[in-house]
Protein backbone atom coordinates (compact mmCIF):
# COMPACT_ATOMS: atom_id res chain seq x y z
CA MET A 1 -0.98 21.84 -8.88
CA GLY A 2 -1.26 23.38 -12.30
CA HIS A 3 2.34 24.60 -12.51
CA ARG A 4 3.85 25.54 -15.86
CA PHE A 5 7.43 25.89 -17.04
CA SER A 6 8.70 29.43 -17.04
CA LYS A 7 9.83 31.10 -20.26
CA ARG A 8 13.44 30.61 -19.14
CA SER A 9 12.94 26.85 -18.62
CA MET A 10 11.19 26.58 -21.99
CA ASP A 11 14.09 28.42 -23.66
CA ARG A 12 16.56 26.04 -22.03
CA ALA A 13 14.56 23.01 -23.20
CA ARG A 14 14.70 23.85 -26.93
CA GLU A 15 17.43 21.22 -27.48
CA VAL A 16 15.55 18.54 -25.52
CA ASP A 17 13.63 15.86 -27.35
CA PRO A 18 10.02 17.12 -27.84
CA LEU A 19 8.53 13.87 -26.52
CA LEU A 20 10.53 14.14 -23.31
CA MET A 21 9.53 17.77 -22.99
CA ALA A 22 5.86 16.84 -23.44
CA VAL A 23 6.20 14.32 -20.60
CA ALA A 24 7.81 16.97 -18.40
CA VAL A 25 5.09 19.53 -19.18
CA ILE A 26 2.35 17.03 -18.28
CA ALA A 27 4.22 16.01 -15.13
CA LEU A 28 4.62 19.62 -14.04
CA SER A 29 0.95 20.41 -14.67
CA ARG A 30 -0.15 17.52 -12.43
CA CYS A 31 2.40 17.86 -9.68
CA ALA A 32 2.11 19.89 -6.49
CA VAL A 33 5.91 20.38 -6.53
CA ASP A 34 7.14 23.10 -8.89
CA PHE A 35 10.36 22.37 -10.80
CA GLY A 36 12.26 23.84 -13.72
CA LEU A 37 15.19 23.27 -16.06
CA THR A 38 18.57 24.70 -15.20
CA GLU A 39 21.18 25.72 -17.72
CA GLU A 40 23.31 22.66 -17.01
CA GLN A 41 20.49 20.37 -18.07
CA SER A 42 20.25 21.75 -21.58
CA ARG A 43 23.23 23.44 -23.19
CA SER A 44 23.06 23.74 -26.96
CA VAL A 45 26.07 23.37 -29.26
CA ALA A 46 25.99 27.13 -29.92
CA GLU A 47 25.99 27.89 -26.19
CA GLN A 48 28.90 25.49 -25.67
CA ALA A 49 30.81 27.14 -28.54
CA GLU A 50 30.26 30.54 -26.88
CA LYS A 51 31.53 29.18 -23.55
CA VAL A 52 34.65 27.77 -25.31
CA ARG A 53 35.20 31.13 -27.08
CA ARG A 54 34.96 33.00 -23.74
CA GLY A 55 37.28 30.47 -22.07
CA VAL A 56 34.66 29.26 -19.57
CA SER A 57 34.81 25.75 -21.06
CA LYS A 58 37.78 24.05 -22.69
CA THR A 59 36.07 21.61 -25.07
CA MET A 60 33.14 21.30 -27.42
CA ASN A 61 32.86 17.67 -26.29
CA SER A 62 31.20 18.72 -22.99
CA ALA A 63 28.98 16.35 -21.06
CA HIS A 64 26.40 19.16 -20.93
CA VAL A 65 26.07 19.12 -24.71
CA ILE A 66 26.40 15.37 -25.25
CA ALA A 67 24.19 14.30 -22.40
CA ALA A 68 21.67 17.15 -22.34
CA GLY A 69 18.89 14.82 -23.41
CA LEU A 70 20.21 12.06 -21.15
CA ALA A 71 20.34 14.45 -18.20
CA PHE A 72 16.78 15.40 -18.87
CA VAL A 73 15.80 11.72 -19.03
CA ALA A 74 17.58 11.19 -15.71
CA VAL A 75 15.64 14.07 -14.18
CA CYS A 76 12.39 12.60 -15.52
CA VAL A 77 13.25 9.16 -14.12
CA LEU A 78 14.12 10.69 -10.75
CA MET A 79 10.80 12.56 -10.83
CA LEU A 80 8.72 9.36 -11.24
CA PRO A 81 8.37 8.72 -7.48
CA THR A 82 7.48 12.38 -6.99
CA LEU A 83 4.94 12.17 -9.80
CA GLY A 84 3.43 9.10 -8.20
CA TRP A 85 3.19 11.05 -4.96
CA CYS A 86 1.68 13.99 -6.86
CA VAL A 87 -0.95 11.79 -8.49
CA ALA A 88 -1.80 10.10 -5.20
CA THR A 89 -1.89 13.44 -3.41
CA ALA A 90 -3.99 14.96 -6.16
CA SER A 91 -6.51 12.13 -6.02
CA SER A 92 -6.66 12.28 -2.22
CA ARG A 93 -7.09 16.06 -2.41
CA GLU A 94 -9.85 15.58 -4.97
CA ARG A 95 -11.49 12.99 -2.73
CA ALA A 96 -11.19 15.36 0.22
CA LYS A 97 -12.74 18.13 -1.88
CA GLN A 98 -15.59 15.81 -2.89
CA ASP A 99 -16.04 14.72 0.73
CA ARG A 100 -16.27 18.36 1.81
CA ALA A 101 -18.86 19.03 -0.90
CA ILE A 102 -20.87 15.96 0.14
CA GLU A 103 -20.69 16.99 3.81
CA ALA A 104 -21.87 20.50 2.92
CA ALA A 105 -24.77 19.05 0.91
CA ASN A 106 -25.63 16.72 3.79
CA ALA A 107 -25.54 19.61 6.26
CA GLN A 108 -27.85 21.59 3.99
CA ALA A 109 -30.18 18.58 3.70
CA ARG A 110 -30.20 18.17 7.49
CA ALA A 111 -31.03 21.84 7.94
CA THR A 112 -33.83 21.62 5.36
CA ASP A 113 -35.10 18.41 6.96
CA THR A 114 -35.10 19.99 10.43
CA ALA A 115 -37.00 23.01 9.14
CA ALA A 116 -39.54 20.76 7.40
CA ARG A 117 -40.00 18.69 10.56
CA ASP A 118 -40.55 21.86 12.60
CA ARG A 119 -43.14 23.12 10.12
CA ALA A 120 -44.89 19.73 10.13
CA ALA A 121 -44.96 19.67 13.95
CA ASP A 122 -46.42 23.20 13.99
CA GLN A 123 -49.04 22.16 11.43
CA ARG A 124 -49.95 19.05 13.46
CA LEU A 125 -50.37 21.22 16.57
CA THR A 126 -52.56 23.66 14.65
CA ASP A 127 -54.64 20.78 13.25
CA LEU A 128 -55.03 19.29 16.74
CA LYS A 129 -56.27 22.63 18.11
CA ILE A 130 -58.73 23.00 15.23
CA ASN A 131 -59.99 19.42 15.65
CA ASN A 132 -60.43 19.90 19.41
CA ARG A 133 -62.34 23.15 18.82
CA LEU A 134 -64.60 21.52 16.22
CA GLU A 135 -65.23 18.53 18.53
CA LYS A 136 -66.17 20.91 21.35
CA GLU A 137 -68.51 22.87 19.05
CA ARG A 138 -70.17 19.63 17.92
CA THR A 139 -70.53 18.41 21.51
CA ASP A 140 -71.97 21.76 22.57
CA ALA A 141 -74.40 21.74 19.65
CA VAL A 142 -75.61 18.23 20.54
CA SER A 143 -75.79 19.10 24.24
CA SER A 144 -77.84 22.21 23.57
CA ILE A 145 -80.75 20.16 22.16
CA PRO A 146 -83.47 19.61 24.77
CA ASP A 147 -83.47 16.17 26.41
CA ALA A 148 -87.22 15.48 26.11
CA ARG A 149 -87.08 13.15 23.16
CA PRO A 150 -83.79 13.03 21.19
CA THR A 151 -84.02 13.66 17.51
CA ALA A 152 -83.01 10.96 15.03
CA GLY A 153 -79.83 12.94 14.23
CA ARG A 154 -78.84 13.13 17.91
CA VAL A 155 -79.45 9.37 18.32
CA ALA A 156 -77.41 8.60 15.16
CA LEU A 157 -74.55 10.82 16.42
CA ALA A 158 -74.60 9.15 19.84
CA CYS A 159 -74.58 5.69 18.22
CA HIS A 160 -71.70 6.71 15.97
CA ARG A 161 -69.68 7.90 19.00
CA LEU A 162 -70.34 4.66 20.86
CA ARG A 163 -69.07 2.65 17.88
CA GLU A 164 -65.94 4.86 17.62
CA GLN A 165 -65.23 4.16 21.27
CA GLY A 166 -65.17 0.44 20.47
CA THR A 167 -68.55 -0.61 21.90
CA ARG A 168 -69.60 -3.99 20.54
CA ASP A 169 -72.89 -4.20 18.62
CA ALA A 170 -74.35 -6.49 21.31
CA ASP A 171 -73.68 -3.85 23.99
CA LEU A 172 -75.23 -0.97 22.02
CA PRO A 173 -78.70 0.32 22.97
CA ALA A 174 -81.50 -1.04 20.82
CA GLU A 175 -81.74 2.23 18.85
CA CYS A 176 -78.10 1.78 17.70
CA ARG A 177 -78.11 -1.89 16.73
CA PRO A 178 -77.86 -2.86 13.05
CA GLY A 179 -81.07 -3.47 11.21
CA ARG A 180 -82.97 -0.73 13.02
């Protein structure tokens, strides 16, 4: 896509109707198939006169001169199916390009998501280790207190642990029941 007429094709098209030439230029810029103008499609009156003078052509009433614009129209009409194919191909290529870009973005998002999940799992493991260590330290600190008569703090901690374990108020020791 993005083809342009060569200088030679543009020189040959100087006798062609400018509107038709504009259509051809747009068609060529959007089409994946490159095409050009041959000499037979656009012979000016001066070129025909030169061909008659040299003896290459016998008449000034040549179909190349008379029908140069009509030949170009015929070429444009014949190009319509190709242009339709070019437009369809271009849009499918654009869609494919967009799909590739979306897939690349999705792959990047999946990679970022995987990395974030791995970091979160590592952080959860670290937190679990820290919590277990702190729980052990707290248990050791409570256990290190002599058993003679527990302090109010040790009783409150023991009551709190019993409640966390799901013990009903009716099953708690008297020291742990509400209103005490």
